[in-house]
PDB file of N, CA and C in Angstrom:
ATOM      1  N   MET A   1       0.836  -1.185   0.000  1.00  0.00           N
ATOM      2  CA  MET A   1       0.000   0.000   0.000  1.00  0.00           C
ATOM      3  C   MET A   1       0.879   1.245   0.000  1.00  0.00           C
ATOM      4  N   GLN A   2       0.508   2.213  -0.817  1.00  0.00           N
ATOM      5  CA  GLN A   2       1.290   3.441  -0.917  1.00  0.00           C
ATOM      6  C   GLN A   2       1.033   4.343   0.285  1.00  0.00           C
ATOM      7  N   PRO A   3       2.009   5.186   0.605  1.00  0.00           N
ATOM      8  CA  PRO A   3       1.807   6.090   1.743  1.00  0.00           C
ATOM      9  C   PRO A   3       0.788   7.183   1.417  1.00  0.00           C
ATOM     10  N   ASP A   4       0.313   7.795   2.450  1.00  0.00           N
ATOM     11  CA  ASP A   4      -0.601   8.913   2.342  1.00  0.00           C
ATOM     12  C   ASP A   4       0.088  10.062   1.599  1.00  0.00           C
ATOM     13  N   PHE A   5      -0.687  10.887   0.891  1.00  0.00           N
ATOM     14  CA  PHE A   5      -0.118  12.021   0.156  1.00  0.00           C
ATOM     15  C   PHE A   5       0.654  12.941   1.085  1.00  0.00           C
ATOM     16  N   PHE A   6       0.095  13.195   2.258  1.00  0.00           N
ATOM     17  CA  PHE A   6       0.712  14.132   3.184  1.00  0.00           C
ATOM     18  C   PHE A   6       1.966  13.561   3.840  1.00  0.00           C
ATOM     19  N   GLN A   7       2.122  12.249   3.841  1.00  0.00           N
ATOM     20  CA  GLN A   7       3.344  11.629   4.346  1.00  0.00           C
ATOM     21  C   GLN A   7       4.394  11.470   3.253  1.00  0.00           C
ATOM     22  N   ALA A   8       3.951  11.394   2.002  1.00  0.00           N
ATOM     23  CA  ALA A   8       4.880  11.144   0.899  1.00  0.00           C
ATOM     24  C   ALA A   8       5.611  12.398   0.430  1.00  0.00           C
ATOM     25  N   HIS A   9       5.085  13.580   0.739  1.00  0.00           N
ATOM     26  CA  HIS A   9       5.685  14.828   0.251  1.00  0.00           C
ATOM     27  C   HIS A   9       6.115  15.706   1.422  1.00  0.00           C
ATOM     28  N   HIS A  10       7.201  16.441   1.209  1.00  0.00           N
ATOM     29  CA  HIS A  10       7.747  17.277   2.276  1.00  0.00           C
ATOM     30  C   HIS A  10       6.878  18.491   2.577  1.00  0.00           C
ATOM     31  N   TYR A  11       6.389  19.172   1.538  1.00  0.00           N
ATOM     32  CA  TYR A  11       5.543  20.353   1.710  1.00  0.00           C
ATOM     33  C   TYR A  11       4.223  20.124   0.973  1.00  0.00           C
ATOM     34  N   PRO A  12       3.329  19.331   1.540  1.00  0.00           N
ATOM     35  CA  PRO A  12       2.126  18.931   0.794  1.00  0.00           C
ATOM     36  C   PRO A  12       1.164  20.081   0.492  1.00  0.00           C
ATOM     37  N   VAL A  13       0.997  21.012   1.412  1.00  0.00           N
ATOM     38  CA  VAL A  13       0.057  22.111   1.180  1.00  0.00           C
ATOM     39  C   VAL A  13       0.582  23.017   0.072  1.00  0.00           C
ATOM     40  N   LEU A  14       1.869  23.312   0.082  1.00  0.00           N
ATOM     41  CA  LEU A  14       2.479  24.122  -0.968  1.00  0.00           C
ATOM     42  C   LEU A  14       2.378  23.410  -2.325  1.00  0.00           C
ATOM     43  N   LEU A  15       2.572  22.111  -2.322  1.00  0.00           N
ATOM     44  CA  LEU A  15       2.448  21.327  -3.544  1.00  0.00           C
ATOM     45  C   LEU A  15       1.013  21.342  -4.069  1.00  0.00           C
ATOM     46  N   LEU A  16       0.034  21.220  -3.205  1.00  0.00           N
ATOM     47  CA  LEU A  16      -1.367  21.258  -3.629  1.00  0.00           C
ATOM     48  C   LEU A  16      -1.732  22.615  -4.215  1.00  0.00           C
ATOM     49  N   ILE A  17      -1.268  23.683  -3.592  1.00  0.00           N
ATOM     50  CA  ILE A  17      -1.531  25.025  -4.112  1.00  0.00           C
ATOM     51  C   ILE A  17      -0.864  25.194  -5.479  1.00  0.00           C
ATOM     52  N   GLY A  18       0.374  24.738  -5.595  1.00  0.00           N
ATOM     53  CA  GLY A  18       1.070  24.830  -6.874  1.00  0.00           C
ATOM     54  C   GLY A  18       0.395  24.036  -7.971  1.00  0.00           C
ATOM     55  N   LEU A  19      -0.068  22.835  -7.657  1.00  0.00           N
ATOM     56  CA  LEU A  19      -0.752  22.016  -8.656  1.00  0.00           C
ATOM     57  C   LEU A  19      -2.095  22.607  -9.062  1.00  0.00           C
ATOM     58  N   ALA A  20      -2.759  23.299  -8.160  1.00  0.00           N
ATOM     59  CA  ALA A  20      -4.051  23.906  -8.485  1.00  0.00           C
ATOM     60  C   ALA A  20      -3.887  25.195  -9.286  1.00  0.00           C
ATOM     61  N   VAL A  21      -2.886  26.009  -8.937  1.00  0.00           N
ATOM     62  CA  VAL A  21      -2.741  27.321  -9.561  1.00  0.00           C
ATOM     63  C   VAL A  21      -1.800  27.283 -10.766  1.00  0.00           C
ATOM     64  N   PHE A  22      -0.671  26.615 -10.640  1.00  0.00           N
ATOM     65  CA  PHE A  22       0.336  26.549 -11.708  1.00  0.00           C
ATOM     66  C   PHE A  22       0.674  25.087 -12.015  1.00  0.00           C
ATOM     67  N   PRO A  23      -0.234  24.335 -12.632  1.00  0.00           N
ATOM     68  CA  PRO A  23       0.015  22.901 -12.798  1.00  0.00           C
ATOM     69  C   PRO A  23       1.196  22.574 -13.715  1.00  0.00           C
ATOM     70  N   ARG A  24       1.396  23.338 -14.775  1.00  0.00           N
ATOM     71  CA  ARG A  24       2.491  23.017 -15.695  1.00  0.00           C
ATOM     72  C   ARG A  24       3.850  23.218 -15.047  1.00  0.00           C
ATOM     73  N   ILE A  25       4.030  24.333 -14.388  1.00  0.00           N
ATOM     74  CA  ILE A  25       5.316  24.600 -13.741  1.00  0.00           C
ATOM     75  C   ILE A  25       5.571  23.603 -12.619  1.00  0.00           C
ATOM     76  N   THR A  26       4.563  23.338 -11.816  1.00  0.00           N
ATOM     77  CA  THR A  26       4.725  22.405 -10.701  1.00  0.00           C
ATOM     78  C   THR A  26       5.038  20.997 -11.198  1.00  0.00           C
ATOM     79  N   LEU A  27       4.356  20.561 -12.256  1.00  0.00           N
ATOM     80  CA  LEU A  27       4.628  19.228 -12.790  1.00  0.00           C
ATOM     81  C   LEU A  27       6.029  19.114 -13.376  1.00  0.00           C
ATOM     82  N   LEU A  28       6.557  20.206 -13.920  1.00  0.00           N
ATOM     83  CA  LEU A  28       7.931  20.158 -14.430  1.00  0.00           C
ATOM     84  C   LEU A  28       8.933  19.891 -13.320  1.00  0.00           C
ATOM     85  N   PHE A  29       8.701  20.496 -12.160  1.00  0.00           N
ATOM     86  CA  PHE A  29       9.647  20.346 -11.055  1.00  0.00           C
ATOM     87  C   PHE A  29       9.397  19.106 -10.205  1.00  0.00           C
ATOM     88  N   VAL A  30       8.148  18.640 -10.127  1.00  0.00           N
ATOM     89  CA  VAL A  30       7.807  17.553  -9.217  1.00  0.00           C
ATOM     90  C   VAL A  30       7.373  16.287  -9.944  1.00  0.00           C
ATOM     91  N   GLY A  31       6.983  16.398 -11.207  1.00  0.00           N
ATOM     92  CA  GLY A  31       6.338  15.312 -11.920  1.00  0.00           C
ATOM     93  C   GLY A  31       7.147  14.058 -12.131  1.00  0.00           C
ATOM     94  N   GLY A  32       8.439  14.183 -12.297  1.00  0.00           N
ATOM     95  CA  GLY A  32       9.244  12.998 -12.558  1.00  0.00           C
ATOM     96  C   GLY A  32       9.302  12.687 -14.039  1.00  0.00           C
ATOM     97  N   PRO A  33       9.765  11.501 -14.391  1.00  0.00           N
ATOM     98  CA  PRO A  33       9.882  11.151 -15.813  1.00  0.00           C
ATOM     99  C   PRO A  33       8.504  10.970 -16.447  1.00  0.00           C
ATOM    100  N   PHE A  34       8.320  11.589 -17.574  1.00  0.00           N
ATOM    101  CA  PHE A  34       7.035  11.547 -18.272  1.00  0.00           C
ATOM    102  C   PHE A  34       7.134  10.698 -19.519  1.00  0.00           C
ATOM    103  N   GLY A  35       6.040  10.035 -19.857  1.00  0.00           N
ATOM    104  CA  GLY A  35       5.921   9.333 -21.121  1.00  0.00           C
ATOM    105  C   GLY A  35       5.268  10.250 -22.148  1.00  0.00           C
ATOM    106  N   VAL A  36       4.974   9.721 -23.308  1.00  0.00           N
ATOM    107  CA  VAL A  36       4.394  10.514 -24.390  1.00  0.00           C
ATOM    108  C   VAL A  36       3.013  11.047 -23.995  1.00  0.00           C
ATOM    109  N   PHE A  37       2.185  10.211 -23.392  1.00  0.00           N
ATOM    110  CA  PHE A  37       0.848  10.654 -23.021  1.00  0.00           C
ATOM    111  C   PHE A  37       0.879  11.678 -21.898  1.00  0.00           C
ATOM    112  N   HIS A  38       1.852  11.592 -21.013  1.00  0.00           N
ATOM    113  CA  HIS A  38       1.978  12.600 -19.970  1.00  0.00           C
ATOM    114  C   HIS A  38       2.331  13.950 -20.566  1.00  0.00           C
ATOM    115  N   TRP A  39       3.246  13.976 -21.527  1.00  0.00           N
ATOM    116  CA  TRP A  39       3.598  15.241 -22.174  1.00  0.00           C
ATOM    117  C   TRP A  39       2.411  15.800 -22.948  1.00  0.00           C
ATOM    118  N   LEU A  40       1.640  14.935 -23.575  1.00  0.00           N
ATOM    119  CA  LEU A  40       0.452  15.383 -24.291  1.00  0.00           C
ATOM    120  C   LEU A  40      -0.565  15.988 -23.323  1.00  0.00           C
ATOM    121  N   GLY A  41      -0.773  15.334 -22.191  1.00  0.00           N
ATOM    122  CA  GLY A  41      -1.656  15.885 -21.166  1.00  0.00           C
ATOM    123  C   GLY A  41      -1.110  17.167 -20.580  1.00  0.00           C
ATOM    124  N   TRP A  42       0.210  17.257 -20.435  1.00  0.00           N
ATOM    125  CA  TRP A  42       0.844  18.463 -19.898  1.00  0.00           C
ATOM    126  C   TRP A  42       0.611  19.641 -20.837  1.00  0.00           C
ATOM    127  N   LEU A  43       0.646  19.384 -22.142  1.00  0.00           N
ATOM    128  CA  LEU A  43       0.448  20.456 -23.113  1.00  0.00           C
ATOM    129  C   LEU A  43      -1.014  20.863 -23.259  1.00  0.00           C
ATOM    130  N   ILE A  44      -1.913  19.882 -23.282  1.00  0.00           N
ATOM    131  CA  ILE A  44      -3.309  20.165 -23.612  1.00  0.00           C
ATOM    132  C   ILE A  44      -4.151  20.493 -22.373  1.00  0.00           C
ATOM    133  N   ALA A  45      -4.113  19.646 -21.359  1.00  0.00           N
ATOM    134  CA  ALA A  45      -4.974  19.830 -20.184  1.00  0.00           C
ATOM    135  C   ALA A  45      -4.216  19.424 -18.925  1.00  0.00           C
ATOM    136  N   PRO A  46      -3.375  20.300 -18.380  1.00  0.00           N
ATOM    137  CA  PRO A  46      -2.562  19.917 -17.221  1.00  0.00           C
ATOM    138  C   PRO A  46      -3.382  19.635 -15.963  1.00  0.00           C
ATOM    139  N   HIS A  47      -4.528  20.312 -15.785  1.00  0.00           N
ATOM    140  CA  HIS A  47      -5.353  20.037 -14.611  1.00  0.00           C
ATOM    141  C   HIS A  47      -5.903  18.613 -14.654  1.00  0.00           C
ATOM    142  N   LEU A  48      -6.283  18.174 -15.842  1.00  0.00           N
ATOM    143  CA  LEU A  48      -6.771  16.793 -15.972  1.00  0.00           C
ATOM    144  C   LEU A  48      -5.653  15.795 -15.712  1.00  0.00           C
ATOM    145  N   LEU A  49      -4.445  16.111 -16.164  1.00  0.00           N
ATOM    146  CA  LEU A  49      -3.310  15.235 -15.894  1.00  0.00           C
ATOM    147  C   LEU A  49      -3.064  15.110 -14.398  1.00  0.00           C
ATOM    148  N   VAL A  50      -3.166  16.215 -13.678  1.00  0.00           N
ATOM    149  CA  VAL A  50      -2.984  16.180 -12.221  1.00  0.00           C
ATOM    150  C   VAL A  50      -4.046  15.303 -11.575  1.00  0.00           C
ATOM    151  N   ALA A  51      -5.293  15.433 -12.013  1.00  0.00           N
ATOM    152  CA  ALA A  51      -6.375  14.624 -11.438  1.00  0.00           C
ATOM    153  C   ALA A  51      -6.185  13.137 -11.738  1.00  0.00           C
ATOM    154  N   ILE A  52      -5.763  12.825 -12.947  1.00  0.00           N
ATOM    155  CA  ILE A  52      -5.542  11.418 -13.308  1.00  0.00           C
ATOM    156  C   ILE A  52      -4.397  10.828 -12.498  1.00  0.00           C
ATOM    157  N   LEU A  53      -3.293  11.561 -12.389  1.00  0.00           N
ATOM    158  CA  LEU A  53      -2.160  11.072 -11.603  1.00  0.00           C
ATOM    159  C   LEU A  53      -2.513  10.930 -10.131  1.00  0.00           C
ATOM    160  N   ALA A  54      -3.279  11.887  -9.593  1.00  0.00           N
ATOM    161  CA  ALA A  54      -3.688  11.808  -8.189  1.00  0.00           C
ATOM    162  C   ALA A  54      -4.580  10.598  -7.954  1.00  0.00           C
ATOM    163  N   THR A  55      -5.495  10.341  -8.872  1.00  0.00           N
ATOM    164  CA  THR A  55      -6.404   9.210  -8.708  1.00  0.00           C
ATOM    165  C   THR A  55      -5.662   7.880  -8.777  1.00  0.00           C
ATOM    166  N   THR A  56      -4.723   7.759  -9.710  1.00  0.00           N
ATOM    167  CA  THR A  56      -4.015   6.483  -9.849  1.00  0.00           C
ATOM    168  C   THR A  56      -3.078   6.209  -8.670  1.00  0.00           C
ATOM    169  N   HIS A  57      -2.529   7.255  -8.068  1.00  0.00           N
ATOM    170  CA  HIS A  57      -1.565   7.047  -6.985  1.00  0.00           C
ATOM    171  C   HIS A  57      -2.184   7.073  -5.586  1.00  0.00           C
ATOM    172  N   TYR A  58      -3.195   7.911  -5.367  1.00  0.00           N
ATOM    173  CA  TYR A  58      -3.659   8.148  -3.998  1.00  0.00           C
ATOM    174  C   TYR A  58      -5.128   7.841  -3.755  1.00  0.00           C
ATOM    175  N   TRP A  59      -5.804   7.139  -4.665  1.00  0.00           N
ATOM    176  CA  TRP A  59      -7.219   6.852  -4.447  1.00  0.00           C
ATOM    177  C   TRP A  59      -7.443   5.996  -3.203  1.00  0.00           C
ATOM    178  N   ASP A  60      -6.578   5.045  -2.941  1.00  0.00           N
ATOM    179  CA  ASP A  60      -6.761   4.153  -1.792  1.00  0.00           C
ATOM    180  C   ASP A  60      -6.567   4.864  -0.463  1.00  0.00           C
ATOM    181  N   THR A  61      -5.667   5.841  -0.417  1.00  0.00           N
ATOM    182  CA  THR A  61      -5.368   6.495   0.859  1.00  0.00           C
ATOM    183  C   THR A  61      -6.055   7.847   1.022  1.00  0.00           C
ATOM    184  N   ASN A  62      -6.324   8.569  -0.077  1.00  0.00           N
ATOM    185  CA  ASN A  62      -6.936   9.892  -0.002  1.00  0.00           C
ATOM    186  C   ASN A  62      -8.041  10.067  -1.046  1.00  0.00           C
ATOM    187  N   PRO A  63      -9.173   9.399  -0.922  1.00  0.00           N
ATOM    188  CA  PRO A  63     -10.221   9.557  -1.934  1.00  0.00           C
ATOM    189  C   PRO A  63     -10.818  10.966  -1.957  1.00  0.00           C
ATOM    190  N   VAL A  64     -10.891  11.624  -0.819  1.00  0.00           N
ATOM    191  CA  VAL A  64     -11.435  12.987  -0.780  1.00  0.00           C
ATOM    192  C   VAL A  64     -10.523  13.933  -1.560  1.00  0.00           C
ATOM    193  N   LEU A  65      -9.232  13.771  -1.401  1.00  0.00           N
ATOM    194  CA  LEU A  65      -8.266  14.583  -2.132  1.00  0.00           C
ATOM    195  C   LEU A  65      -8.392  14.360  -3.641  1.00  0.00           C
ATOM    196  N   CYS A  66      -8.657  13.139  -4.045  1.00  0.00           N
ATOM    197  CA  CYS A  66      -8.825  12.827  -5.468  1.00  0.00           C
ATOM    198  C   CYS A  66     -10.099  13.457  -6.027  1.00  0.00           C
ATOM    199  N   VAL A  67     -11.173  13.426  -5.266  1.00  0.00           N
ATOM    200  CA  VAL A  67     -12.418  14.052  -5.715  1.00  0.00           C
ATOM    201  C   VAL A  67     -12.228  15.557  -5.852  1.00  0.00           C
ATOM    202  N   ILE A  68     -11.544  16.168  -4.903  1.00  0.00           N
ATOM    203  CA  ILE A  68     -11.252  17.602  -4.988  1.00  0.00           C
ATOM    204  C   ILE A  68     -10.373  17.890  -6.198  1.00  0.00           C
ATOM    205  N   ALA A  69      -9.424  17.005  -6.496  1.00  0.00           N
ATOM    206  CA  ALA A  69      -8.569  17.185  -7.678  1.00  0.00           C
ATOM    207  C   ALA A  69      -9.395  17.172  -8.956  1.00  0.00           C
ATOM    208  N   TRP A  70     -10.417  16.310  -9.012  1.00  0.00           N
ATOM    209  CA  TRP A  70     -11.269  16.296 -10.208  1.00  0.00           C
ATOM    210  C   TRP A  70     -12.105  17.561 -10.320  1.00  0.00           C
ATOM    211  N   PHE A  71     -12.613  18.072  -9.197  1.00  0.00           N
ATOM    212  CA  PHE A  71     -13.351  19.335  -9.241  1.00  0.00           C
ATOM    213  C   PHE A  71     -12.456  20.471  -9.719  1.00  0.00           C
ATOM    214  N   VAL A  72     -11.243  20.540  -9.199  1.00  0.00           N
ATOM    215  CA  VAL A  72     -10.298  21.576  -9.620  1.00  0.00           C
ATOM    216  C   VAL A  72      -9.924  21.389 -11.087  1.00  0.00           C
ATOM    217  N   ALA A  73      -9.807  20.141 -11.525  1.00  0.00           N
ATOM    218  CA  ALA A  73      -9.456  19.874 -12.921  1.00  0.00           C
ATOM    219  C   ALA A  73     -10.519  20.410 -13.875  1.00  0.00           C
ATOM    220  N   PHE A  74     -11.772  20.119 -13.593  1.00  0.00           N
ATOM    221  CA  PHE A  74     -12.822  20.594 -14.490  1.00  0.00           C
ATOM    222  C   PHE A  74     -13.004  22.104 -14.392  1.00  0.00           C
ATOM    223  N   ALA A  75     -12.897  22.658 -13.201  1.00  0.00           N
ATOM    224  CA  ALA A  75     -13.016  24.108 -13.048  1.00  0.00           C
ATOM    225  C   ALA A  75     -11.812  24.816 -13.661  1.00  0.00           C
ATOM    226  N   GLY A  76     -10.616  24.272 -13.479  1.00  0.00           N
ATOM    227  CA  GLY A  76      -9.413  24.911 -14.009  1.00  0.00           C
ATOM    228  C   GLY A  76      -9.349  24.879 -15.518  1.00  0.00           C
ATOM    229  N   THR A  77      -9.694  23.757 -16.121  1.00  0.00           N
ATOM    230  CA  THR A  77      -9.665  23.649 -17.577  1.00  0.00           C
ATOM    231  C   THR A  77     -10.721  24.553 -18.203  1.00  0.00           C
ATOM    232  N   GLY A  78     -11.908  24.565 -17.633  1.00  0.00           N
ATOM    233  CA  GLY A  78     -12.958  25.450 -18.140  1.00  0.00           C
ATOM    234  C   GLY A  78     -12.638  26.910 -17.909  1.00  0.00           C
ATOM    235  N   GLY A  79     -12.049  27.213 -16.767  1.00  0.00           N
ATOM    236  CA  GLY A  79     -11.675  28.598 -16.469  1.00  0.00           C
ATOM    237  C   GLY A  79     -10.585  29.118 -17.383  1.00  0.00           C
ATOM    238  N   GLU A  80      -9.632  28.262 -17.720  1.00  0.00           N
ATOM    239  CA  GLU A  80      -8.579  28.682 -18.642  1.00  0.00           C
ATOM    240  C   GLU A  80      -9.142  28.989 -20.022  1.00  0.00           C
ATOM    241  N   SER A  81     -10.054  28.174 -20.502  1.00  0.00           N
ATOM    242  CA  SER A  81     -10.613  28.416 -21.833  1.00  0.00           C
ATOM    243  C   SER A  81     -11.458  29.689 -21.847  1.00  0.00           C
ATOM    244  N   ARG A  82     -12.237  29.930 -20.793  1.00  0.00           N
ATOM    245  CA  ARG A  82     -13.021  31.168 -20.726  1.00  0.00           C
ATOM    246  C   ARG A  82     -12.120  32.383 -20.631  1.00  0.00           C
ATOM    247  N   ALA A  83     -11.051  32.288 -19.853  1.00  0.00           N
ATOM    248  CA  ALA A  83     -10.125  33.416 -19.736  1.00  0.00           C
ATOM    249  C   ALA A  83      -9.415  33.685 -21.052  1.00  0.00           C
ATOM    250  N   ALA A  84      -9.075  32.649 -21.777  1.00  0.00           N
ATOM    251  CA  ALA A  84      -8.427  32.843 -23.071  1.00  0.00           C
ATOM    252  C   ALA A  84      -9.363  33.522 -24.059  1.00  0.00           C
ATOM    253  N   ARG A  85     -10.627  33.088 -24.088  1.00  0.00           N
ATOM    254  CA  ARG A  85     -11.591  33.742 -24.990  1.00  0.00           C
ATOM    255  C   ARG A  85     -11.815  35.191 -24.585  1.00  0.00           C
ATOM    256  N   ARG A  86     -11.933  35.465 -23.305  1.00  0.00           N
ATOM    257  CA  ARG A  86     -12.147  36.822 -22.820  1.00  0.00           C
ATOM    258  C   ARG A  86     -10.944  37.699 -23.167  1.00  0.00           C
ATOM    259  N   GLY A  87      -9.747  37.143 -23.057  1.00  0.00           N
ATOM    260  CA  GLY A  87      -8.546  37.899 -23.387  1.00  0.00           C
ATOM    261  C   GLY A  87      -8.494  38.277 -24.851  1.00  0.00           C
ATOM    262  N   TRP A  88      -8.889  37.367 -25.726  1.00  0.00           N
ATOM    263  CA  TRP A  88      -8.896  37.686 -27.147  1.00  0.00           C
ATOM    264  C   TRP A  88      -9.932  38.749 -27.458  1.00  0.00           C
ATOM    265  N   ARG A  89     -11.089  38.690 -26.841  1.00  0.00           N
ATOM    266  CA  ARG A  89     -12.108  39.722 -27.056  1.00  0.00           C
ATOM    267  C   ARG A  89     -11.616  41.068 -26.557  1.00  0.00           C
ATOM    268  N   TRP A  90     -10.951  41.085 -25.407  1.00  0.00           N
ATOM    269  CA  TRP A  90     -10.469  42.333 -24.829  1.00  0.00           C
ATOM    270  C   TRP A  90      -9.399  42.954 -25.718  1.00  0.00           C
ATOM    271  N   ARG A  91      -8.497  42.129 -26.246  1.00  0.00           N
ATOM    272  CA  ARG A  91      -7.461  42.647 -27.140  1.00  0.00           C
ATOM    273  C   ARG A  91      -8.069  43.214 -28.412  1.00  0.00           C
ATOM    274  N   GLY A  92      -9.089  42.560 -28.941  1.00  0.00           N
ATOM    275  CA  GLY A  92      -9.749  43.056 -30.142  1.00  0.00           C
ATOM    276  C   GLY A  92     -10.413  44.395 -29.906  1.00  0.00           C
ATOM    277  N   ARG A  93     -11.066  44.567 -28.762  1.00  0.00           N
ATOM    278  CA  ARG A  93     -11.701  45.849 -28.433  1.00  0.00           C
ATOM    279  C   ARG A  93     -10.660  46.939 -28.249  1.00  0.00           C
ATOM    280  N   ARG A  94      -9.536  46.589 -27.649  1.00  0.00           N
ATOM    281  CA  ARG A  94      -8.487  47.577 -27.427  1.00  0.00           C
ATOM    282  C   ARG A  94      -7.899  48.035 -28.762  1.00  0.00           C
ATOM    283  N   ARG A  95      -7.728  47.120 -29.700  1.00  0.00           N
ATOM    284  CA  ARG A  95      -7.226  47.485 -31.030  1.00  0.00           C
ATOM    285  C   ARG A  95      -8.230  48.360 -31.769  1.00  0.00           C
ATOM    286  N   GLU A  96      -9.522  48.029 -31.653  1.00  0.00           N
ATOM    287  CA  GLU A  96     -10.544  48.836 -32.308  1.00  0.00           C
ATOM    288  C   GLU A  96     -10.575  50.236 -31.729  1.00  0.00           C
ATOM    289  N   ALA A  97     -10.418  50.374 -30.429  1.00  0.00           N
ATOM    290  CA  ALA A  97     -10.413  51.682 -29.798  1.00  0.00           C
ATOM    291  C   ALA A  97      -9.194  52.481 -30.244  1.00  0.00           C
ATOM    292  N   ALA A  98      -8.057  51.824 -30.417  1.00  0.00           N
ATOM    293  CA  ALA A  98      -6.846  52.514 -30.860  1.00  0.00           C
ATOM    294  C   ALA A  98      -7.013  53.002 -32.294  1.00  0.00           C
ATOM    295  N   VAL A  99      -7.698  52.267 -33.123  1.00  0.00           N
ATOM    296  CA  VAL A  99      -7.905  52.681 -34.510  1.00  0.00           C
ATOM    297  C   VAL A  99      -8.856  53.874 -34.568  1.00  0.00           C
ATOM    298  N   VAL A 100      -9.889  53.879 -33.742  1.00  0.00           N
ATOM    299  CA  VAL A 100     -10.870  54.978 -33.719  1.00  0.00           C
ATOM    300  C   VAL A 100     -10.209  56.260 -33.225  1.00  0.00           C
ATOM    301  N   VAL A 101      -9.351  56.159 -32.215  1.00  0.00           N
ATOM    302  CA  VAL A 101      -8.689  57.329 -31.645  1.00  0.00           C
ATOM    303  C   VAL A 101      -7.680  57.902 -32.627  1.00  0.00           C
ATOM    304  N   ALA A 102      -6.980  57.056 -33.344  1.00  0.00           N
ATOM    305  CA  ALA A 102      -5.915  57.519 -34.240  1.00  0.00           C
ATOM    306  C   ALA A 102      -6.430  58.087 -35.515  1.00  0.00           C
TER     307      ALA A 102
END
């Protein structure tokens, strides 16, 4: 049986915050050796990769943590896409305003 998440890592709360807020950077430093599918998940949907890895490693010892990881994964992936669309709209409006002023 694998150890608990909080026993397996030196700074578990800092790691959880990093995985929730900056999953790509945190996975680069903590993730370990990646295969092809891990790199694909890292590029496309890092929050989902974190949830999948958490479920496969810690479901037996921390099921609540895994469920929270899935909630963060779906909220984070959806939030990133909405923020990206909003950013493109904002840039377009700013360019239009610059053209009208000039």
